[in-house]
Amino acid sequence: MNKGSDFMKFNYQLPVNLIFGRGRISELGVQTANYGKRALLVIGGGSAAKSGLLQRALGFLEASNVESVLFDGVPQNPLTSNVDEGVKLFKDHCCDVVVGIGGGSVLDTAKAIAFSAVNEGELSDYIFGLKQPEGAFPIILVPTTSGTGSEGNCFAVLTNPETKDKKSLKSSFTFAKVSIIDPELMITMPKRVIASTAFDALAHCHEAYVSKAAQPLNEMMALYAIKLLGENIRRVYNDPSDLDAWESVALASTLGGMVINIAGVGLPHAMEHPSSGLKNIVHGVGLAALTPAIMEYNLPYAQGKYEIMAQALGGKSAADAVDLISKLLEDIGLKVTLGELGIQHEDIGWMSKNSLKIMKANVDNNPRPASETEIAALYEKCL
């Protein structure tokens, strides 16, 4: 833990009703009815329909006299233009609440639709702080993956299709009213999705733990979540039906969302966003390609924290943290390079500049400072 008189000055606010536990998806209708009568139901590319979850959700809403309008097909890296389409549907059908059921992309899109349905004009103007928002319609979130932690924070990550800028909308209005975290919804994920989303959760906890903005509550939660993930990611990857393990992974994912809401993320996310904004890379996979090298880069500036993190993962020394993360990635099929993901040498100049343009606050939040030249060198190392 950091020392100093200023360290113990902190705030912690999470205005989200977190409803956690097996089978609690059954409460969707009752909870939604507290906030509206006609819901825009936001889902992804079809897994909710194939698993039967969509029909169950519609049934829960109908039983509580909530009408539903479906907005489906949200992509893995949602665009601001996807949000515009959702807002049109929301307004055309006079909806008054947004329900997001899916992975982080779906939850982020649901948040942004609820926000943009109130705040007129270009969404990018609010993302970059050029306009100040007035509010948002109520948001209900149901994660079906264990990764982004979007259910526990106010971020909505979106890509501008014209500029390729991938950046978070962040507003006090984009907290969910209710988030239902039901581990039983996780068991139908394919292994590649389990791996990428679970590593995203681990990246959130790692980056928030070593963040310059870390404070006692988020350090405690991040470290606990790192331990849960270290003990259970392989279990859910090897046996997706293991509900005991899923409870731990789902809890850790939500904690990961909560801690980045306070302490933010660092260099791995700051460097990944330009990569996936440019090449539509799966976010967790992009993080896997970058994180070990960046941890090694950070080690001299956060030796004590990496030693504690290593111990939570079953190691001893700070250097063990890098090795343990690398081994985990190997075990869950995520040992990849940026080159294998489609990044080329000629992309590095743009990505290095873009990381400082779009994610400078996160670069500055990293325990070790990084210039454009140092960021470019790290990209090269990860090719």
Protein backbone atom coordinates (compact mmCIF):
# COMPACT_ATOMS: atom_id res chain seq x y z
CA MET A 1 0.00 0.00 0.00
CA ASN A 2 1.21 3.51 -0.80
CA LYS A 3 2.16 5.71 2.13
CA GLY A 4 1.72 9.40 2.71
CA SER A 5 -0.79 11.78 4.24
CA ASP A 6 -2.75 12.26 1.01
CA PHE A 7 -3.24 8.57 0.34
CA MET A 8 -6.04 8.17 2.86
CA LYS A 9 -8.16 10.89 1.25
CA PHE A 10 -10.55 9.14 -1.12
CA ASN A 11 -14.16 8.84 -2.26
CA TYR A 12 -16.08 5.72 -3.21
CA GLN A 13 -19.54 5.87 -4.75
CA LEU A 14 -21.30 3.10 -6.66
CA PRO A 15 -24.96 3.99 -7.26
CA VAL A 16 -25.82 0.56 -8.73
CA ASN A 17 -28.04 -2.06 -7.15
CA LEU A 18 -25.93 -5.20 -7.70
CA ILE A 19 -28.06 -8.35 -7.59
CA PHE A 20 -25.76 -11.38 -7.51
CA GLY A 21 -26.47 -15.12 -7.50
CA ARG A 22 -27.55 -18.20 -9.36
CA GLY A 23 -31.01 -17.97 -10.90
CA ARG A 24 -31.47 -14.28 -10.23
CA ILE A 25 -32.20 -13.54 -13.89
CA SER A 26 -35.78 -14.40 -12.83
CA GLU A 27 -35.92 -10.98 -11.16
CA LEU A 28 -35.42 -9.12 -14.45
CA GLY A 29 -39.08 -8.26 -14.99
CA VAL A 30 -39.76 -7.07 -11.46
CA GLN A 31 -36.65 -4.90 -11.40
CA THR A 32 -37.27 -3.39 -14.85
CA ALA A 33 -40.90 -2.60 -14.00
CA ASN A 34 -39.64 -0.31 -11.25
CA TYR A 35 -38.18 2.00 -13.91
CA GLY A 36 -40.32 1.74 -17.03
CA LYS A 37 -43.11 0.08 -18.99
CA ARG A 38 -41.55 -0.29 -22.44
CA ALA A 39 -37.99 -1.57 -22.65
CA LEU A 40 -35.53 -1.44 -25.49
CA LEU A 41 -33.90 -4.86 -25.10
CA VAL A 42 -30.31 -4.75 -26.39
CA ILE A 43 -28.56 -8.01 -27.26
CA GLY A 44 -25.63 -9.19 -29.37
CA GLY A 45 -25.19 -11.42 -32.37
CA GLY A 46 -27.49 -14.32 -31.55
CA SER A 47 -26.09 -16.28 -28.61
CA ALA A 48 -28.90 -15.09 -26.32
CA ALA A 49 -31.48 -16.41 -28.78
CA LYS A 50 -29.64 -19.71 -29.32
CA SER A 51 -29.24 -20.39 -25.60
CA GLY A 52 -32.90 -19.64 -24.88
CA LEU A 53 -32.00 -16.68 -22.67
CA LEU A 54 -33.75 -14.17 -24.93
CA GLN A 55 -37.08 -15.97 -24.69
CA ARG A 56 -36.70 -16.32 -20.94
CA ALA A 57 -35.93 -12.62 -20.59
CA LEU A 58 -38.92 -11.66 -22.73
CA GLY A 59 -41.09 -13.88 -20.57
CA PHE A 60 -39.86 -12.30 -17.33
CA LEU A 61 -40.53 -8.83 -18.72
CA GLU A 62 -43.98 -9.75 -20.01
CA ALA A 63 -44.92 -11.29 -16.65
CA SER A 64 -44.24 -7.91 -15.05
CA ASN A 65 -46.24 -6.04 -17.72
CA VAL A 66 -43.16 -4.59 -19.42
CA GLU A 67 -43.36 -4.40 -23.21
CA SER A 68 -40.18 -5.13 -25.19
CA VAL A 69 -38.65 -3.77 -28.37
CA LEU A 70 -35.65 -5.78 -29.60
CA PHE A 71 -32.38 -4.19 -30.75
CA ASP A 72 -29.99 -6.97 -31.73
CA GLY A 73 -26.73 -7.50 -33.61
CA VAL A 74 -24.40 -5.38 -31.45
CA PRO A 75 -20.84 -6.13 -32.69
CA GLN A 76 -17.79 -7.05 -30.56
CA ASN A 77 -16.40 -3.52 -30.84
CA PRO A 78 -19.53 -1.33 -30.90
CA LEU A 79 -19.57 1.83 -32.97
CA THR A 80 -21.09 5.21 -32.25
CA SER A 81 -23.23 4.57 -35.34
CA ASN A 82 -24.67 1.44 -33.68
CA VAL A 83 -25.75 3.64 -30.79
CA ASP A 84 -27.44 6.07 -33.20
CA GLU A 85 -29.44 3.17 -34.67
CA GLY A 86 -30.50 2.07 -31.20
CA VAL A 87 -31.57 5.58 -30.20
CA LYS A 88 -33.78 5.83 -33.29
CA LEU A 89 -35.52 2.57 -32.42
CA PHE A 90 -35.86 3.65 -28.77
CA LYS A 91 -37.54 6.91 -29.76
CA ASP A 92 -39.66 5.47 -32.59
CA HIS A 93 -41.24 3.01 -30.12
CA CYS A 94 -41.50 5.47 -27.21
CA CYS A 95 -39.40 3.32 -24.88
CA ASP A 96 -38.65 4.51 -21.37
CA VAL A 97 -36.00 2.07 -20.10
CA VAL A 98 -33.04 0.22 -21.65
CA VAL A 99 -32.20 -3.40 -20.80
CA GLY A 100 -28.83 -4.78 -21.93
CA ILE A 101 -28.28 -8.56 -21.87
CA GLY A 102 -24.94 -9.80 -23.13
CA GLY A 103 -21.22 -9.22 -23.02
CA GLY A 104 -19.48 -5.93 -22.42
CA SER A 105 -20.13 -4.62 -25.91
CA VAL A 106 -23.87 -5.06 -25.42
CA LEU A 107 -23.86 -3.51 -21.95
CA ASP A 108 -21.81 -0.54 -23.14
CA THR A 109 -24.13 -0.02 -26.10
CA ALA A 110 -27.18 -0.16 -23.84
CA LYS A 111 -25.67 2.51 -21.60
CA ALA A 112 -24.84 4.74 -24.55
CA ILE A 113 -28.34 4.41 -26.04
CA ALA A 114 -29.96 5.39 -22.74
CA PHE A 115 -27.57 8.35 -22.57
CA SER A 116 -27.93 9.50 -26.19
CA ALA A 117 -31.72 9.27 -26.13
CA VAL A 118 -31.65 12.22 -23.72
CA ASN A 119 -28.59 14.17 -24.89
CA GLU A 120 -28.92 15.57 -28.40
CA GLY A 121 -26.10 15.91 -30.92
CA GLU A 122 -22.98 13.91 -31.68
CA LEU A 123 -22.11 11.30 -29.07
CA SER A 124 -18.40 11.96 -29.65
CA ASP A 125 -18.86 15.51 -28.35
CA TYR A 126 -19.86 14.07 -24.96
CA ILE A 127 -17.11 11.43 -25.05
CA PHE A 128 -14.48 14.14 -25.50
CA GLY A 129 -16.10 16.51 -23.00
CA LEU A 130 -17.10 19.12 -25.57
CA LYS A 131 -20.72 19.02 -24.37
CA GLN A 132 -22.17 18.43 -20.92
CA PRO A 133 -24.98 15.86 -20.52
CA GLU A 134 -28.37 16.41 -18.93
CA GLY A 135 -29.33 12.87 -17.95
CA ALA A 136 -30.17 9.40 -19.27
CA PHE A 137 -33.04 6.96 -19.32
CA PRO A 138 -32.90 4.15 -16.73
CA ILE A 139 -30.51 1.27 -17.48
CA ILE A 140 -30.82 -2.39 -16.43
CA LEU A 141 -27.82 -4.65 -17.18
CA VAL A 142 -27.43 -8.43 -17.26
CA PRO A 143 -23.89 -9.63 -18.10
CA THR A 144 -23.57 -13.01 -19.83
CA THR A 145 -19.77 -12.95 -19.89
CA SER A 146 -17.26 -12.39 -17.10
CA GLY A 147 -14.96 -9.73 -18.40
CA THR A 148 -15.70 -6.06 -18.80
CA GLY A 149 -17.37 -5.43 -15.45
CA SER A 150 -19.53 -2.87 -17.24
CA GLU A 151 -22.34 -3.75 -14.84
CA GLY A 152 -20.32 -2.18 -12.02
CA ASN A 153 -19.12 1.07 -13.56
CA CYS A 154 -20.17 4.05 -15.68
CA PHE A 155 -17.98 3.38 -18.75
CA ALA A 156 -19.25 2.68 -22.25
CA VAL A 157 -16.42 1.99 -24.70
CA LEU A 158 -17.22 2.93 -28.30
CA THR A 159 -15.36 3.33 -31.58
CA ASN A 160 -15.91 6.19 -34.02
CA PRO A 161 -16.07 4.44 -37.43
CA GLU A 162 -14.68 7.47 -39.24
CA THR A 163 -11.65 8.27 -37.06
CA LYS A 164 -11.11 4.76 -35.56
CA ASP A 165 -10.85 6.47 -32.15
CA LYS A 166 -11.90 3.99 -29.45
CA LYS A 167 -12.70 5.79 -26.22
CA SER A 168 -14.99 5.55 -23.20
CA LEU A 169 -18.11 7.55 -22.62
CA LYS A 170 -18.01 8.23 -18.89
CA SER A 171 -20.80 9.94 -17.02
CA SER A 172 -22.56 9.67 -13.70
CA PHE A 173 -25.70 9.16 -15.81
CA THR A 174 -24.39 5.91 -17.34
CA PHE A 175 -24.46 3.85 -14.17
CA ALA A 176 -27.08 1.12 -14.30
CA LYS A 177 -30.00 1.37 -11.92
CA VAL A 178 -29.80 -2.41 -11.48
CA SER A 179 -27.27 -5.02 -12.57
CA ILE A 180 -28.19 -8.69 -12.30
CA ILE A 181 -25.13 -10.94 -12.18
CA ASP A 182 -26.22 -14.56 -12.56
CA PRO A 183 -23.34 -17.08 -12.86
CA GLU A 184 -25.69 -19.60 -14.49
CA LEU A 185 -25.76 -17.38 -17.60
CA MET A 186 -22.01 -17.86 -18.16
CA ILE A 187 -21.91 -21.60 -18.82
CA THR A 188 -22.84 -21.46 -22.53
CA MET A 189 -19.84 -19.32 -23.53
CA PRO A 190 -17.41 -20.84 -26.07
CA LYS A 191 -13.89 -21.38 -24.69
CA ARG A 192 -12.39 -18.56 -26.77
CA VAL A 193 -14.91 -16.12 -25.25
CA ILE A 194 -14.31 -17.47 -21.75
CA ALA A 195 -10.57 -16.91 -22.18
CA SER A 196 -10.73 -13.40 -23.65
CA THR A 197 -13.35 -12.04 -21.28
CA ALA A 198 -11.83 -13.55 -18.15
CA PHE A 199 -8.45 -12.11 -19.04
CA ASP A 200 -10.05 -8.69 -19.54
CA ALA A 201 -11.33 -8.97 -15.96
CA LEU A 202 -7.85 -9.87 -14.74
CA ALA A 203 -6.38 -6.95 -16.69
CA HIS A 204 -8.82 -4.55 -15.03
CA CYS A 205 -7.83 -5.75 -11.58
CA HIS A 206 -4.10 -5.71 -12.37
CA GLU A 207 -4.16 -2.22 -13.86
CA ALA A 208 -6.34 -0.73 -11.12
CA TYR A 209 -4.18 -2.34 -8.43
CA VAL A 210 -0.93 -0.78 -9.70
CA SER A 211 -2.64 2.46 -10.77
CA LYS A 212 -1.38 5.82 -9.53
CA ALA A 213 -5.00 6.55 -8.56
CA ALA A 214 -5.35 3.42 -6.42
CA GLN A 215 -6.89 3.79 -2.96
CA PRO A 216 -7.48 1.33 -0.11
CA LEU A 217 -10.92 0.03 -1.05
CA ASN A 218 -10.10 -0.57 -4.69
CA GLU A 219 -6.73 -2.16 -3.82
CA MET A 220 -8.46 -4.59 -1.47
CA MET A 221 -11.12 -5.51 -4.04
CA ALA A 222 -8.63 -5.78 -6.92
CA LEU A 223 -6.30 -8.06 -5.01
CA TYR A 224 -9.15 -10.32 -3.88
CA ALA A 225 -10.43 -10.50 -7.47
CA ILE A 226 -6.93 -11.33 -8.78
CA LYS A 227 -6.79 -14.25 -6.34
CA LEU A 228 -10.24 -15.47 -7.40
CA LEU A 229 -9.32 -15.28 -11.08
CA GLY A 230 -5.96 -16.96 -10.59
CA GLU A 231 -7.70 -19.87 -8.89
CA ASN A 232 -10.69 -20.18 -11.20
CA ILE A 233 -10.02 -19.04 -14.79
CA ARG A 234 -8.50 -22.39 -15.74
CA ARG A 235 -11.38 -24.19 -14.03
CA VAL A 236 -14.10 -22.47 -16.07
CA TYR A 237 -12.01 -22.71 -19.24
CA ASN A 238 -11.52 -26.47 -18.83
CA ASP A 239 -15.05 -27.12 -17.54
CA PRO A 240 -17.58 -24.42 -18.46
CA SER A 241 -20.25 -26.21 -16.42
CA ASP A 242 -18.38 -25.60 -13.13
CA LEU A 243 -20.83 -23.24 -11.43
CA ASP A 244 -18.82 -22.95 -8.23
CA ALA A 245 -15.89 -21.60 -10.25
CA TRP A 246 -18.19 -19.35 -12.27
CA GLU A 247 -19.46 -17.72 -9.09
CA SER A 248 -15.89 -16.69 -8.28
CA VAL A 249 -15.10 -15.52 -11.82
CA ALA A 250 -18.35 -13.57 -12.13
CA LEU A 251 -17.76 -11.88 -8.76
CA ALA A 252 -14.17 -11.02 -9.74
CA SER A 253 -15.34 -9.57 -13.06
CA THR A 254 -17.84 -7.29 -11.33
CA LEU A 255 -15.18 -6.23 -8.83
CA GLY A 256 -12.90 -5.50 -11.78
CA GLY A 257 -15.49 -3.14 -13.22
CA MET A 258 -15.91 -1.45 -9.85
CA VAL A 259 -12.19 -0.89 -9.27
CA ILE A 260 -11.54 0.67 -12.68
CA ASN A 261 -14.46 3.00 -12.04
CA ILE A 262 -12.37 4.44 -9.20
CA ALA A 263 -8.72 3.83 -10.13
CA GLY A 264 -8.94 3.63 -13.91
CA VAL A 265 -6.76 1.48 -16.14
CA GLY A 266 -3.17 1.88 -17.28
CA LEU A 267 -0.90 1.27 -20.23
CA PRO A 268 -2.26 -2.13 -21.39
CA HIS A 269 -5.72 -0.67 -22.04
CA ALA A 270 -4.26 2.59 -23.33
CA MET A 271 -2.32 0.62 -25.95
CA GLU A 272 -5.03 -1.95 -26.70
CA HIS A 273 -7.77 0.51 -27.63
CA PRO A 274 -5.91 1.84 -30.69
CA SER A 275 -5.21 -1.75 -31.75
CA SER A 276 -8.83 -2.92 -31.65
CA GLY A 277 -10.13 0.43 -32.90
CA LEU A 278 -7.94 0.06 -35.96
CA LYS A 279 -8.19 -3.70 -36.60
CA ASN A 280 -11.40 -4.79 -34.80
CA ILE A 281 -9.42 -7.11 -32.52
CA VAL A 282 -11.23 -8.88 -29.67
CA HIS A 283 -10.41 -6.69 -26.68
CA GLY A 284 -9.28 -9.40 -24.27
CA VAL A 285 -7.09 -11.00 -26.93
CA GLY A 286 -5.45 -7.65 -27.65
CA LEU A 287 -4.76 -7.24 -23.94
CA ALA A 288 -3.21 -10.72 -23.85
CA ALA A 289 -0.76 -9.73 -26.58
CA LEU A 290 0.32 -6.60 -24.68
CA THR A 291 0.10 -7.24 -20.94
CA PRO A 292 3.18 -9.41 -20.16
CA ALA A 293 5.58 -6.98 -21.88
CA ILE A 294 3.98 -3.99 -20.16
CA MET A 295 4.12 -5.70 -16.76
CA GLU A 296 7.83 -6.26 -17.31
CA TYR A 297 8.18 -2.59 -18.29
CA ASN A 298 6.33 -1.54 -15.09
CA LEU A 299 8.18 -3.80 -12.65
CA PRO A 300 10.88 -1.34 -11.46
CA TYR A 301 8.18 1.25 -10.64
CA ALA A 302 5.76 -1.03 -8.76
CA GLN A 303 7.98 -3.75 -7.33
CA GLY A 304 6.10 -4.11 -4.05
CA LYS A 305 2.68 -4.36 -5.61
CA TYR A 306 3.79 -6.89 -8.20
CA GLU A 307 5.27 -9.02 -5.42
CA ILE A 308 1.93 -9.00 -3.58
CA MET A 309 0.10 -9.72 -6.84
CA ALA A 310 2.45 -12.64 -7.53
CA GLN A 311 1.70 -14.05 -4.09
CA ALA A 312 -2.04 -13.82 -4.78
CA LEU A 313 -1.40 -15.87 -7.93
CA GLY A 314 0.69 -18.48 -6.13
CA GLY A 315 4.20 -17.08 -6.67
CA LYS A 316 6.73 -15.25 -4.54
CA SER A 317 8.72 -12.48 -6.25
CA ALA A 318 7.61 -9.52 -8.34
CA ALA A 319 9.14 -11.12 -11.44
CA ASP A 320 6.97 -14.17 -10.81
CA ALA A 321 3.89 -12.07 -11.59
CA VAL A 322 4.94 -11.76 -15.25
CA ASP A 323 5.74 -15.46 -15.53
CA LEU A 324 2.48 -16.50 -13.88
CA ILE A 325 0.39 -14.31 -16.18
CA SER A 326 2.29 -15.62 -19.22
CA LYS A 327 1.68 -19.21 -18.12
CA LEU A 328 -2.02 -18.52 -17.55
CA LEU A 329 -2.32 -17.08 -21.06
CA GLU A 330 -0.63 -20.16 -22.47
CA ASP A 331 -2.98 -22.47 -20.55
CA ILE A 332 -6.13 -20.75 -21.88
CA GLY A 333 -4.99 -20.43 -25.50
CA LEU A 334 -4.23 -16.71 -25.42
CA LYS A 335 -0.47 -16.72 -25.99
CA VAL A 336 -0.58 -14.39 -29.02
CA THR A 337 1.34 -11.53 -30.61
CA LEU A 338 0.05 -8.33 -32.15
CA GLY A 339 1.43 -9.54 -35.46
CA GLU A 340 -0.77 -12.63 -35.30
CA LEU A 341 -3.74 -10.31 -34.70
CA GLY A 342 -3.10 -8.34 -37.88
CA ILE A 343 -1.05 -5.42 -36.57
CA GLN A 344 1.83 -4.48 -38.86
CA HIS A 345 4.96 -2.41 -38.32
CA GLU A 346 3.51 0.48 -40.32
CA ASP A 347 0.54 0.70 -37.91
CA ILE A 348 2.71 1.45 -34.89
CA GLY A 349 3.22 5.15 -35.58
CA TRP A 350 -0.52 5.84 -35.74
CA MET A 351 -1.29 3.63 -32.72
CA SER A 352 1.40 5.27 -30.57
CA LYS A 353 0.05 8.72 -31.33
CA ASN A 354 -3.55 7.57 -30.91
CA SER A 355 -2.91 6.04 -27.49
CA LEU A 356 -1.73 9.44 -26.26
CA LYS A 357 -4.53 11.29 -28.06
CA ILE A 358 -7.38 9.07 -26.85
CA MET A 359 -6.04 7.41 -23.70
CA LYS A 360 -3.57 9.94 -22.28
CA ALA A 361 -5.22 9.91 -18.86
CA ASN A 362 -4.70 6.15 -18.72
CA VAL A 363 -1.10 6.43 -19.89
CA ASP A 364 -0.53 8.97 -17.13
CA ASN A 365 -2.24 6.61 -14.66
CA ASN A 366 0.32 3.87 -15.35
CA PRO A 367 2.90 3.37 -12.58
CA ARG A 368 5.75 3.97 -15.03
CA PRO A 369 5.63 7.00 -17.35
CA ALA A 370 5.59 6.26 -21.07
CA SER A 371 6.45 8.59 -23.94
CA GLU A 372 5.36 8.09 -27.54
CA THR A 373 8.77 6.59 -28.27
CA GLU A 374 8.50 4.15 -25.36
CA ILE A 375 4.97 3.16 -26.37
CA ALA A 376 6.16 2.52 -29.92
CA ALA A 377 8.98 0.33 -28.60
CA LEU A 378 6.51 -1.69 -26.55
CA TYR A 379 4.29 -2.19 -29.59
CA GLU A 380 7.35 -3.39 -31.53
CA LYS A 381 8.20 -5.84 -28.75
CA CYS A 382 4.68 -7.27 -28.90
CA LEU A 383 4.51 -7.68 -32.70
